[in-house]
PDB file of N, CA and C in Angstrom:
ATOM      1  N   MET A   1       0.844  -1.172   0.000  1.00  0.00           N
ATOM      2  CA  MET A   1       0.000   0.000   0.000  1.00  0.00           C
ATOM      3  C   MET A   1       0.892   1.239   0.000  1.00  0.00           C
ATOM      4  N   PRO A   2       0.693   2.134  -0.982  1.00  0.00           N
ATOM      5  CA  PRO A   2       1.548   3.313  -1.052  1.00  0.00           C
ATOM      6  C   PRO A   2       1.270   4.283   0.082  1.00  0.00           C
ATOM      7  N   TYR A   3       2.312   4.992   0.462  1.00  0.00           N
ATOM      8  CA  TYR A   3       2.186   6.004   1.511  1.00  0.00           C
ATOM      9  C   TYR A   3       1.530   7.241   0.934  1.00  0.00           C
ATOM     10  N   ARG A   4       0.579   7.791   1.654  1.00  0.00           N
ATOM     11  CA  ARG A   4      -0.086   9.017   1.219  1.00  0.00           C
ATOM     12  C   ARG A   4       0.166  10.113   2.258  1.00  0.00           C
ATOM     13  N   HIS A   5       0.600  11.271   1.759  1.00  0.00           N
ATOM     14  CA  HIS A   5       0.827  12.410   2.649  1.00  0.00           C
ATOM     15  C   HIS A   5      -0.500  12.869   3.242  1.00  0.00           C
ATOM     16  N   PRO A   6      -0.507  13.220   4.527  1.00  0.00           N
ATOM     17  CA  PRO A   6      -1.744  13.736   5.114  1.00  0.00           C
ATOM     18  C   PRO A   6      -2.142  15.075   4.501  1.00  0.00           C
ATOM     19  N   TYR A   7      -1.171  15.823   3.990  1.00  0.00           N
ATOM     20  CA  TYR A   7      -1.438  17.101   3.331  1.00  0.00           C
ATOM     21  C   TYR A   7      -0.743  17.087   1.976  1.00  0.00           C
ATOM     22  N   PRO A   8      -1.440  16.617   0.934  1.00  0.00           N
ATOM     23  CA  PRO A   8      -0.794  16.594  -0.382  1.00  0.00           C
ATOM     24  C   PRO A   8      -0.489  18.000  -0.872  1.00  0.00           C
ATOM     25  N   GLY A   9       0.280  18.099  -1.949  1.00  0.00           N
ATOM     26  CA  GLY A   9       0.698  19.395  -2.485  1.00  0.00           C
ATOM     27  C   GLY A   9      -0.454  20.358  -2.697  1.00  0.00           C
ATOM     28  N   SER A  10      -1.587  19.848  -3.187  1.00  0.00           N
ATOM     29  CA  SER A  10      -2.731  20.738  -3.411  1.00  0.00           C
ATOM     30  C   SER A  10      -3.247  21.299  -2.092  1.00  0.00           C
ATOM     31  N   ALA A  11      -3.176  20.508  -1.013  1.00  0.00           N
ATOM     32  CA  ALA A  11      -3.614  20.997   0.300  1.00  0.00           C
ATOM     33  C   ALA A  11      -2.685  22.106   0.781  1.00  0.00           C
ATOM     34  N   LEU A  12      -1.404  22.005   0.497  1.00  0.00           N
ATOM     35  CA  LEU A  12      -0.475  23.071   0.886  1.00  0.00           C
ATOM     36  C   LEU A  12      -0.793  24.357   0.124  1.00  0.00           C
ATOM     37  N   GLN A  13      -1.216  24.231  -1.125  1.00  0.00           N
ATOM     38  CA  GLN A  13      -1.607  25.426  -1.875  1.00  0.00           C
ATOM     39  C   GLN A  13      -2.856  26.035  -1.245  1.00  0.00           C
ATOM     40  N   GLU A  14      -3.788  25.193  -0.803  1.00  0.00           N
ATOM     41  CA  GLU A  14      -4.976  25.703  -0.118  1.00  0.00           C
ATOM     42  C   GLU A  14      -4.595  26.414   1.179  1.00  0.00           C
ATOM     43  N   VAL A  15      -3.636  25.860   1.911  1.00  0.00           N
ATOM     44  CA  VAL A  15      -3.151  26.511   3.131  1.00  0.00           C
ATOM     45  C   VAL A  15      -2.592  27.889   2.794  1.00  0.00           C
ATOM     46  N   THR A  16      -1.812  27.954   1.726  1.00  0.00           N
ATOM     47  CA  THR A  16      -1.240  29.228   1.296  1.00  0.00           C
ATOM     48  C   THR A  16      -2.340  30.224   0.915  1.00  0.00           C
ATOM     49  N   ASN A  17      -3.351  29.747   0.223  1.00  0.00           N
ATOM     50  CA  ASN A  17      -4.468  30.626  -0.153  1.00  0.00           C
ATOM     51  C   ASN A  17      -5.239  31.111   1.071  1.00  0.00           C
ATOM     52  N   ARG A  18      -5.506  30.213   2.030  1.00  0.00           N
ATOM     53  CA  ARG A  18      -6.213  30.618   3.249  1.00  0.00           C
ATOM     54  C   ARG A  18      -5.371  31.603   4.060  1.00  0.00           C
ATOM     55  N   HIS A  19      -4.070  31.406   4.053  1.00  0.00           N
ATOM     56  CA  HIS A  19      -3.154  32.324   4.742  1.00  0.00           C
ATOM     57  C   HIS A  19      -3.287  33.729   4.162  1.00  0.00           C
ATOM     58  N   ARG A  20      -3.253  33.806   2.834  1.00  0.00           N
ATOM     59  CA  ARG A  20      -3.364  35.107   2.165  1.00  0.00           C
ATOM     60  C   ARG A  20      -4.706  35.764   2.504  1.00  0.00           C
ATOM     61  N   THR A  21      -5.788  34.993   2.469  1.00  0.00           N
ATOM     62  CA  THR A  21      -7.116  35.526   2.800  1.00  0.00           C
ATOM     63  C   THR A  21      -7.169  36.007   4.241  1.00  0.00           C
ATOM     64  N   ALA A  22      -6.612  35.226   5.154  1.00  0.00           N
ATOM     65  CA  ALA A  22      -6.623  35.603   6.576  1.00  0.00           C
ATOM     66  C   ALA A  22      -5.862  36.901   6.797  1.00  0.00           C
ATOM     67  N   ARG A  23      -4.715  37.037   6.145  1.00  0.00           N
ATOM     68  CA  ARG A  23      -3.936  38.287   6.305  1.00  0.00           C
ATOM     69  C   ARG A  23      -4.716  39.483   5.771  1.00  0.00           C
ATOM     70  N   GLN A  24      -5.396  39.296   4.648  1.00  0.00           N
ATOM     71  CA  GLN A  24      -6.196  40.392   4.091  1.00  0.00           C
ATOM     72  C   GLN A  24      -7.356  40.756   5.018  1.00  0.00           C
ATOM     73  N   LEU A  25      -8.013  39.732   5.570  1.00  0.00           N
ATOM     74  CA  LEU A  25      -9.123  39.995   6.495  1.00  0.00           C
ATOM     75  C   LEU A  25      -8.645  40.728   7.746  1.00  0.00           C
ATOM     76  N   ILE A  26      -7.549  40.272   8.323  1.00  0.00           N
ATOM     77  CA  ILE A  26      -7.012  40.914   9.529  1.00  0.00           C
ATOM     78  C   ILE A  26      -6.642  42.367   9.224  1.00  0.00           C
ATOM     79  N   ALA A  27      -6.012  42.590   8.071  1.00  0.00           N
ATOM     80  CA  ALA A  27      -5.635  43.958   7.698  1.00  0.00           C
ATOM     81  C   ALA A  27      -6.880  44.835   7.551  1.00  0.00           C
ATOM     82  N   THR A  28      -7.927  44.298   6.950  1.00  0.00           N
ATOM     83  CA  THR A  28      -9.172  45.060   6.780  1.00  0.00           C
ATOM     84  C   THR A  28      -9.809  45.374   8.129  1.00  0.00           C
ATOM     85  N   PHE A  29      -9.890  44.366   9.003  1.00  0.00           N
ATOM     86  CA  PHE A  29     -10.483  44.573  10.327  1.00  0.00           C
ATOM     87  C   PHE A  29      -9.706  45.605  11.143  1.00  0.00           C
ATOM     88  N   THR A  30      -8.400  45.514  11.114  1.00  0.00           N
ATOM     89  CA  THR A  30      -7.608  46.435  11.939  1.00  0.00           C
ATOM     90  C   THR A  30      -7.669  47.864  11.389  1.00  0.00           C
ATOM     91  N   ARG A  31      -7.806  48.004  10.061  1.00  0.00           N
ATOM     92  CA  ARG A  31      -7.957  49.356   9.498  1.00  0.00           C
ATOM     93  C   ARG A  31      -9.323  49.948   9.860  1.00  0.00           C
ATOM     94  N   SER A  32     -10.370  49.086   9.886  1.00  0.00           N
ATOM     95  CA  SER A  32     -11.721  49.599  10.142  1.00  0.00           C
ATOM     96  C   SER A  32     -12.014  49.776  11.629  1.00  0.00           C
ATOM     97  N   THR A  33     -11.288  49.043  12.476  1.00  0.00           N
ATOM     98  CA  THR A  33     -11.523  49.133  13.915  1.00  0.00           C
ATOM     99  C   THR A  33     -10.191  49.313  14.617  1.00  0.00           C
ATOM    100  N   PRO A  34      -9.800  50.548  14.878  1.00  0.00           N
ATOM    101  CA  PRO A  34      -8.497  50.812  15.501  1.00  0.00           C
ATOM    102  C   PRO A  34      -8.296  50.070  16.827  1.00  0.00           C
ATOM    103  N   ALA A  35      -9.358  49.767  17.541  1.00  0.00           N
ATOM    104  CA  ALA A  35      -9.213  49.059  18.817  1.00  0.00           C
ATOM    105  C   ALA A  35      -8.642  47.652  18.598  1.00  0.00           C
ATOM    106  N   LEU A  36      -8.796  47.116  17.403  1.00  0.00           N
ATOM    107  CA  LEU A  36      -8.277  45.778  17.099  1.00  0.00           C
ATOM    108  C   LEU A  36      -6.828  45.807  16.605  1.00  0.00           C
ATOM    109  N   ASN A  37      -6.241  46.975  16.535  1.00  0.00           N
ATOM    110  CA  ASN A  37      -4.903  47.103  15.969  1.00  0.00           C
ATOM    111  C   ASN A  37      -3.869  46.224  16.679  1.00  0.00           C
ATOM    112  N   ASP A  38      -3.837  46.260  18.021  1.00  0.00           N
ATOM    113  CA  ASP A  38      -2.856  45.438  18.755  1.00  0.00           C
ATOM    114  C   ASP A  38      -3.100  43.953  18.513  1.00  0.00           C
ATOM    115  N   LEU A  39      -4.349  43.547  18.576  1.00  0.00           N
ATOM    116  CA  LEU A  39      -4.691  42.143  18.317  1.00  0.00           C
ATOM    117  C   LEU A  39      -4.299  41.762  16.894  1.00  0.00           C
ATOM    118  N   GLY A  40      -4.605  42.645  15.956  1.00  0.00           N
ATOM    119  CA  GLY A  40      -4.263  42.389  14.558  1.00  0.00           C
ATOM    120  C   GLY A  40      -2.777  42.217  14.348  1.00  0.00           C
ATOM    121  N   GLN A  41      -1.976  42.999  15.059  1.00  0.00           N
ATOM    122  CA  GLN A  41      -0.521  42.869  14.927  1.00  0.00           C
ATOM    123  C   GLN A  41      -0.037  41.513  15.428  1.00  0.00           C
ATOM    124  N   HIS A  42      -0.612  41.029  16.522  1.00  0.00           N
ATOM    125  CA  HIS A  42      -0.221  39.708  17.042  1.00  0.00           C
ATOM    126  C   HIS A  42      -0.631  38.596  16.084  1.00  0.00           C
ATOM    127  N   VAL A  43      -1.835  38.687  15.568  1.00  0.00           N
ATOM    128  CA  VAL A  43      -2.310  37.659  14.631  1.00  0.00           C
ATOM    129  C   VAL A  43      -1.488  37.713  13.345  1.00  0.00           C
ATOM    130  N   THR A  44      -1.214  38.902  12.859  1.00  0.00           N
ATOM    131  CA  THR A  44      -0.408  39.045  11.642  1.00  0.00           C
ATOM    132  C   THR A  44       0.995  38.475  11.848  1.00  0.00           C
ATOM    133  N   ALA A  45       1.571  38.710  13.002  1.00  0.00           N
ATOM    134  CA  ALA A  45       2.901  38.152  13.295  1.00  0.00           C
ATOM    135  C   ALA A  45       2.854  36.624  13.276  1.00  0.00           C
ATOM    136  N   ALA A  46       1.808  36.053  13.836  1.00  0.00           N
ATOM    137  CA  ALA A  46       1.669  34.589  13.832  1.00  0.00           C
ATOM    138  C   ALA A  46       1.464  34.069  12.412  1.00  0.00           C
ATOM    139  N   LEU A  47       0.697  34.796  11.624  1.00  0.00           N
ATOM    140  CA  LEU A  47       0.436  34.372  10.243  1.00  0.00           C
ATOM    141  C   LEU A  47       1.693  34.425   9.381  1.00  0.00           C
ATOM    142  N   ARG A  48       2.651  35.256   9.736  1.00  0.00           N
ATOM    143  CA  ARG A  48       3.909  35.335   8.963  1.00  0.00           C
ATOM    144  C   ARG A  48       4.668  34.012   8.984  1.00  0.00           C
ATOM    145  N   ASP A  49       4.427  33.194   9.991  1.00  0.00           N
ATOM    146  CA  ASP A  49       5.125  31.913  10.088  1.00  0.00           C
ATOM    147  C   ASP A  49       4.628  30.891   9.063  1.00  0.00           C
ATOM    148  N   ILE A  50       3.409  31.048   8.590  1.00  0.00           N
ATOM    149  CA  ILE A  50       2.812  30.024   7.730  1.00  0.00           C
ATOM    150  C   ILE A  50       3.597  29.800   6.435  1.00  0.00           C
ATOM    151  N   PRO A  51       3.938  30.839   5.664  1.00  0.00           N
ATOM    152  CA  PRO A  51       4.704  30.574   4.434  1.00  0.00           C
ATOM    153  C   PRO A  51       6.051  29.896   4.707  1.00  0.00           C
ATOM    154  N   ILE A  52       6.676  30.250   5.818  1.00  0.00           N
ATOM    155  CA  ILE A  52       7.955  29.622   6.181  1.00  0.00           C
ATOM    156  C   ILE A  52       7.744  28.135   6.453  1.00  0.00           C
ATOM    157  N   LEU A  53       6.676  27.816   7.171  1.00  0.00           N
ATOM    158  CA  LEU A  53       6.388  26.415   7.487  1.00  0.00           C
ATOM    159  C   LEU A  53       5.998  25.620   6.244  1.00  0.00           C
ATOM    160  N   VAL A  54       5.224  26.225   5.353  1.00  0.00           N
ATOM    161  CA  VAL A  54       4.849  25.556   4.103  1.00  0.00           C
ATOM    162  C   VAL A  54       6.101  25.249   3.285  1.00  0.00           C
ATOM    163  N   GLN A  55       7.012  26.215   3.197  1.00  0.00           N
ATOM    164  CA  GLN A  55       8.251  25.991   2.447  1.00  0.00           C
ATOM    165  C   GLN A  55       9.085  24.877   3.091  1.00  0.00           C
ATOM    166  N   GLU A  56       9.122  24.849   4.417  1.00  0.00           N
ATOM    167  CA  GLU A  56       9.877  23.792   5.111  1.00  0.00           C
ATOM    168  C   GLU A  56       9.240  22.424   4.859  1.00  0.00           C
ATOM    169  N   ILE A  57       7.934  22.366   4.842  1.00  0.00           N
ATOM    170  CA  ILE A  57       7.251  21.101   4.529  1.00  0.00           C
ATOM    171  C   ILE A  57       7.622  20.639   3.129  1.00  0.00           C
ATOM    172  N   ARG A  58       7.627  21.555   2.180  1.00  0.00           N
ATOM    173  CA  ARG A  58       7.997  21.190   0.799  1.00  0.00           C
ATOM    174  C   ARG A  58       9.436  20.699   0.730  1.00  0.00           C
ATOM    175  N   ARG A  59      10.334  21.374   1.437  1.00  0.00           N
ATOM    176  CA  ARG A  59      11.745  20.962   1.438  1.00  0.00           C
ATOM    177  C   ARG A  59      11.907  19.576   2.044  1.00  0.00           C
ATOM    178  N   LEU A  60      11.219  19.353   3.165  1.00  0.00           N
ATOM    179  CA  LEU A  60      11.303  18.049   3.833  1.00  0.00           C
ATOM    180  C   LEU A  60      10.699  16.939   2.972  1.00  0.00           C
ATOM    181  N   ARG A  61       9.614  17.238   2.286  1.00  0.00           N
ATOM    182  CA  ARG A  61       9.025  16.241   1.382  1.00  0.00           C
ATOM    183  C   ARG A  61      10.015  15.844   0.293  1.00  0.00           C
ATOM    184  N   HIS A  62      10.695  16.846  -0.263  1.00  0.00           N
ATOM    185  CA  HIS A  62      11.694  16.545  -1.288  1.00  0.00           C
ATOM    186  C   HIS A  62      12.802  15.659  -0.711  1.00  0.00           C
ATOM    187  N   GLU A  63      13.236  15.987   0.490  1.00  0.00           N
ATOM    188  CA  GLU A  63      14.282  15.203   1.137  1.00  0.00           C
ATOM    189  C   GLU A  63      13.814  13.772   1.400  1.00  0.00           C
ATOM    190  N   VAL A  64      12.590  13.615   1.852  1.00  0.00           N
ATOM    191  CA  VAL A  64      12.042  12.277   2.112  1.00  0.00           C
ATOM    192  C   VAL A  64      11.947  11.483   0.812  1.00  0.00           C
ATOM    193  N   ARG A  65      11.478  12.132  -0.272  1.00  0.00           N
ATOM    194  CA  ARG A  65      11.403  11.438  -1.574  1.00  0.00           C
ATOM    195  C   ARG A  65      12.779  10.958  -1.994  1.00  0.00           C
ATOM    196  N   THR A  66      13.779  11.827  -1.840  1.00  0.00           N
ATOM    197  CA  THR A  66      15.143  11.472  -2.219  1.00  0.00           C
ATOM    198  C   THR A  66      15.655  10.296  -1.385  1.00  0.00           C
ATOM    199  N   LEU A  67      15.409  10.349  -0.084  1.00  0.00           N
ATOM    200  CA  LEU A  67      15.866   9.268   0.792  1.00  0.00           C
ATOM    201  C   LEU A  67      15.138   7.951   0.516  1.00  0.00           C
ATOM    202  N   ARG A  68      13.846   8.031   0.223  1.00  0.00           N
ATOM    203  CA  ARG A  68      13.088   6.816  -0.087  1.00  0.00           C
ATOM    204  C   ARG A  68      13.591   6.174  -1.371  1.00  0.00           C
ATOM    205  N   LEU A  69      13.900   7.000  -2.380  1.00  0.00           N
ATOM    206  CA  LEU A  69      14.443   6.462  -3.629  1.00  0.00           C
ATOM    207  C   LEU A  69      15.805   5.823  -3.378  1.00  0.00           C
ATOM    208  N   SER A  70      16.635   6.483  -2.592  1.00  0.00           N
ATOM    209  CA  SER A  70      17.950   5.944  -2.258  1.00  0.00           C
ATOM    210  C   SER A  70      17.820   4.594  -1.560  1.00  0.00           C
ATOM    211  N   ARG A  71      16.927   4.531  -0.593  1.00  0.00           N
ATOM    212  CA  ARG A  71      16.696   3.280   0.149  1.00  0.00           C
ATOM    213  C   ARG A  71      16.207   2.184  -0.790  1.00  0.00           C
ATOM    214  N   ALA A  72      15.280   2.512  -1.681  1.00  0.00           N
ATOM    215  CA  ALA A  72      14.763   1.524  -2.624  1.00  0.00           C
ATOM    216  C   ALA A  72      15.875   1.013  -3.534  1.00  0.00           C
ATOM    217  N   ASN A  73      16.756   1.917  -3.968  1.00  0.00           N
ATOM    218  CA  ASN A  73      17.868   1.507  -4.822  1.00  0.00           C
ATOM    219  C   ASN A  73      18.837   0.603  -4.072  1.00  0.00           C
ATOM    220  N   TYR A  74      19.089   0.915  -2.809  1.00  0.00           N
ATOM    221  CA  TYR A  74      19.955   0.038  -2.004  1.00  0.00           C
ATOM    222  C   TYR A  74      19.323  -1.346  -1.844  1.00  0.00           C
ATOM    223  N   LEU A  75      18.035  -1.382  -1.555  1.00  0.00           N
ATOM    224  CA  LEU A  75      17.359  -2.673  -1.392  1.00  0.00           C
ATOM    225  C   LEU A  75      17.383  -3.474  -2.690  1.00  0.00           C
ATOM    226  N   ALA A  76      17.202  -2.809  -3.810  1.00  0.00           N
ATOM    227  CA  ALA A  76      17.266  -3.504  -5.098  1.00  0.00           C
ATOM    228  C   ALA A  76      18.667  -4.072  -5.324  1.00  0.00           C
ATOM    229  N   ALA A  77      19.683  -3.304  -4.979  1.00  0.00           N
ATOM    230  CA  ALA A  77      21.063  -3.779  -5.144  1.00  0.00           C
ATOM    231  C   ALA A  77      21.341  -4.963  -4.217  1.00  0.00           C
ATOM    232  N   ILE A  78      20.830  -4.901  -3.000  1.00  0.00           N
ATOM    233  CA  ILE A  78      21.003  -6.016  -2.054  1.00  0.00           C
ATOM    234  C   ILE A  78      20.337  -7.269  -2.598  1.00  0.00           C
ATOM    235  N   ASN A  79      19.103  -7.124  -3.077  1.00  0.00           N
ATOM    236  CA  ASN A  79      18.397  -8.285  -3.635  1.00  0.00           C
ATOM    237  C   ASN A  79      19.115  -8.841  -4.854  1.00  0.00           C
ATOM    238  N   ALA A  80      19.639  -7.950  -5.705  1.00  0.00           N
ATOM    239  CA  ALA A  80      20.382  -8.403  -6.882  1.00  0.00           C
ATOM    240  C   ALA A  80      21.647  -9.153  -6.460  1.00  0.00           C
ATOM    241  N   ALA A  81      22.332  -8.647  -5.442  1.00  0.00           N
ATOM    242  CA  ALA A  81      23.559  -9.311  -4.964  1.00  0.00           C
ATOM    243  C   ALA A  81      23.236 -10.682  -4.373  1.00  0.00           C
ATOM    244  N   LEU A  82      22.158 -10.774  -3.606  1.00  0.00           N
ATOM    245  CA  LEU A  82      21.780 -12.076  -3.033  1.00  0.00           C
ATOM    246  C   LEU A  82      21.396 -13.072  -4.116  1.00  0.00           C
ATOM    247  N   SER A  83      20.641 -12.611  -5.103  1.00  0.00           N
ATOM    248  CA  SER A  83      20.265 -13.500  -6.217  1.00  0.00           C
ATOM    249  C   SER A  83      21.495 -13.925  -7.011  1.00  0.00           C
ATOM    250  N   ALA A  84      22.411 -12.980  -7.221  1.00  0.00           N
ATOM    251  CA  ALA A  84      23.643 -13.311  -7.948  1.00  0.00           C
ATOM    252  C   ALA A  84      24.455 -14.347  -7.185  1.00  0.00           C
ATOM    253  N   HIS A  85      24.490 -14.210  -5.873  1.00  0.00           N
ATOM    254  CA  HIS A  85      25.210 -15.187  -5.048  1.00  0.00           C
ATOM    255  C   HIS A  85      24.563 -16.570  -5.179  1.00  0.00           C
ATOM    256  N   ILE A  86      23.236 -16.612  -5.093  1.00  0.00           N
ATOM    257  CA  ILE A  86      22.511 -17.886  -5.224  1.00  0.00           C
ATOM    258  C   ILE A  86      22.747 -18.492  -6.602  1.00  0.00           C
ATOM    259  N   ASP A  87      22.817 -17.633  -7.640  1.00  0.00           N
ATOM    260  CA  ASP A  87      23.036 -18.118  -9.006  1.00  0.00           C
ATOM    261  C   ASP A  87      24.489 -18.471  -9.282  1.00  0.00           C
ATOM    262  N   GLY A  88      25.366 -18.198  -8.308  1.00  0.00           N
ATOM    263  CA  GLY A  88      26.768 -18.554  -8.462  1.00  0.00           C
ATOM    264  C   GLY A  88      27.575 -17.590  -9.313  1.00  0.00           C
ATOM    265  N   GLU A  89      27.112 -16.373  -9.450  1.00  0.00           N
ATOM    266  CA  GLU A  89      27.883 -15.393 -10.219  1.00  0.00           C
ATOM    267  C   GLU A  89      29.229 -15.160  -9.529  1.00  0.00           C
ATOM    268  N   PRO A  90      30.271 -14.873 -10.313  1.00  0.00           N
ATOM    269  CA  PRO A  90      31.612 -14.745  -9.721  1.00  0.00           C
ATOM    270  C   PRO A  90      31.780 -13.535  -8.793  1.00  0.00           C
ATOM    271  N   ASP A  91      31.044 -12.453  -9.012  1.00  0.00           N
ATOM    272  CA  ASP A  91      31.204 -11.248  -8.186  1.00  0.00           C
ATOM    273  C   ASP A  91      29.832 -10.662  -7.825  1.00  0.00           C
ATOM    274  N   PRO A  92      29.096 -11.325  -6.938  1.00  0.00           N
ATOM    275  CA  PRO A  92      27.748 -10.840  -6.619  1.00  0.00           C
ATOM    276  C   PRO A  92      27.736  -9.468  -5.929  1.00  0.00           C
ATOM    277  N   LEU A  93      28.833  -9.126  -5.263  1.00  0.00           N
ATOM    278  CA  LEU A  93      28.870  -7.831  -4.578  1.00  0.00           C
ATOM    279  C   LEU A  93      29.044  -6.658  -5.543  1.00  0.00           C
ATOM    280  N   ALA A  94      29.258  -6.940  -6.814  1.00  0.00           N
ATOM    281  CA  ALA A  94      29.401  -5.874  -7.807  1.00  0.00           C
ATOM    282  C   ALA A  94      28.147  -4.996  -7.840  1.00  0.00           C
ATOM    283  N   TYR A  95      26.979  -5.597  -7.636  1.00  0.00           N
ATOM    284  CA  TYR A  95      25.731  -4.818  -7.627  1.00  0.00           C
ATOM    285  C   TYR A  95      25.746  -3.767  -6.509  1.00  0.00           C
ATOM    286  N   LEU A  96      26.222  -4.179  -5.349  1.00  0.00           N
ATOM    287  CA  LEU A  96      26.294  -3.244  -4.223  1.00  0.00           C
ATOM    288  C   LEU A  96      27.347  -2.158  -4.461  1.00  0.00           C
ATOM    289  N   ARG A  97      28.499  -2.562  -4.985  1.00  0.00           N
ATOM    290  CA  ARG A  97      29.540  -1.575  -5.268  1.00  0.00           C
ATOM    291  C   ARG A  97      29.056  -0.549  -6.288  1.00  0.00           C
ATOM    292  N   ASP A  98      28.371  -1.032  -7.325  1.00  0.00           N
ATOM    293  CA  ASP A  98      27.852  -0.113  -8.345  1.00  0.00           C
ATOM    294  C   ASP A  98      26.863   0.879  -7.737  1.00  0.00           C
ATOM    295  N   GLU A  99      25.964   0.386  -6.898  1.00  0.00           N
ATOM    296  CA  GLU A  99      24.969   1.273  -6.292  1.00  0.00           C
ATOM    297  C   GLU A  99      25.630   2.259  -5.337  1.00  0.00           C
ATOM    298  N   LEU A 100      26.594   1.795  -4.562  1.00  0.00           N
ATOM    299  CA  LEU A 100      27.322   2.705  -3.671  1.00  0.00           C
ATOM    300  C   LEU A 100      28.033   3.793  -4.468  1.00  0.00           C
ATOM    301  N   ASP A 101      28.662   3.409  -5.581  1.00  0.00           N
ATOM    302  CA  ASP A 101      29.344   4.388  -6.434  1.00  0.00           C
ATOM    303  C   ASP A 101      28.346   5.376  -7.038  1.00  0.00           C
ATOM    304  N   ASP A 102      27.199   4.853  -7.509  1.00  0.00           N
ATOM    305  CA  ASP A 102      26.180   5.731  -8.102  1.00  0.00           C
ATOM    306  C   ASP A 102      25.654   6.732  -7.080  1.00  0.00           C
ATOM    307  N   GLN A 103      25.373   6.245  -5.872  1.00  0.00           N
ATOM    308  CA  GLN A 103      24.824   7.140  -4.854  1.00  0.00           C
ATOM    309  C   GLN A 103      25.872   8.153  -4.405  1.00  0.00           C
ATOM    310  N   ALA A 104      27.118   7.738  -4.335  1.00  0.00           N
ATOM    311  CA  ALA A 104      28.180   8.687  -3.973  1.00  0.00           C
ATOM    312  C   ALA A 104      28.302   9.766  -5.043  1.00  0.00           C
ATOM    313  N   ALA A 105      28.167   9.372  -6.314  1.00  0.00           N
ATOM    314  CA  ALA A 105      28.254  10.349  -7.406  1.00  0.00           C
ATOM    315  C   ALA A 105      27.083  11.317  -7.356  1.00  0.00           C
ATOM    316  N   ARG A 106      25.898  10.848  -6.976  1.00  0.00           N
ATOM    317  CA  ARG A 106      24.723  11.726  -6.904  1.00  0.00           C
ATOM    318  C   ARG A 106      24.833  12.719  -5.745  1.00  0.00           C
ATOM    319  N   THR A 107      25.505  12.344  -4.677  1.00  0.00           N
ATOM    320  CA  THR A 107      25.606  13.239  -3.523  1.00  0.00           C
ATOM    321  C   THR A 107      26.835  14.138  -3.573  1.00  0.00           C
ATOM    322  N   ARG A 108      27.748  13.853  -4.495  1.00  0.00           N
ATOM    323  CA  ARG A 108      28.961  14.658  -4.627  1.00  0.00           C
ATOM    324  C   ARG A 108      28.572  16.041  -5.157  1.00  0.00           C
ATOM    325  N   PRO A 109      29.146  17.093  -4.609  1.00  0.00           N
ATOM    326  CA  PRO A 109      28.848  18.445  -5.102  1.00  0.00           C
ATOM    327  C   PRO A 109      29.180  18.572  -6.580  1.00  0.00           C
ATOM    328  N   LYS A 110      28.353  19.326  -7.294  1.00  0.00           N
ATOM    329  CA  LYS A 110      28.585  19.563  -8.723  1.00  0.00           C
ATOM    330  C   LYS A 110      29.921  20.284  -8.904  1.00  0.00           C
ATOM    331  N   GLY A 111      30.660  19.845  -9.917  1.00  0.00           N
ATOM    332  CA  GLY A 111      31.942  20.478 -10.196  1.00  0.00           C
ATOM    333  C   GLY A 111      33.071  19.949  -9.331  1.00  0.00           C
ATOM    334  N   GLY A 112      32.733  19.139  -8.308  1.00  0.00           N
ATOM    335  CA  GLY A 112      33.748  18.581  -7.421  1.00  0.00           C
ATOM    336  C   GLY A 112      34.297  17.304  -7.987  1.00  0.00           C
ATOM    337  N   SER A 113      35.382  16.822  -7.407  1.00  0.00           N
ATOM    338  CA  SER A 113      35.963  15.575  -7.907  1.00  0.00           C
ATOM    339  C   SER A 113      35.713  14.459  -6.943  1.00  0.00           C
TER     340      SER A 113
END
C-alpha cells in the first residue's frame, strides 16, 4: 500500500491561499476598527510563520522522496547481490559496489571531484 501524505501538495496550496485571505481579512479589520490594531498585529505576526512552514514542509518532502528512492535503490542492489550469489555469479557484490558508487556520485557536489 503506497504512503499518502496527510497534506498533499494541493492541500499546501490551499493553506497558502487561506493564509493570504486571513492576512487580508485581519488587515481590513484592523484598518476599520483601531481598537483591534494590537490584536491584529499579534495575529499578523503569527500568520507570517505560515509561508515559512509551508516551504519547510515542501523541502522536507523533497528530502524524504530522495531518501526513499535511495533506500529503494539500495534494497534492489542487495536483492540483486543475493540473487547473484545464489546463481553462483563470480562477483555478486558488484551490484552493491555499483549502487554505492552511483549514490556517492549523486551526492557529490557539482563540479567537485
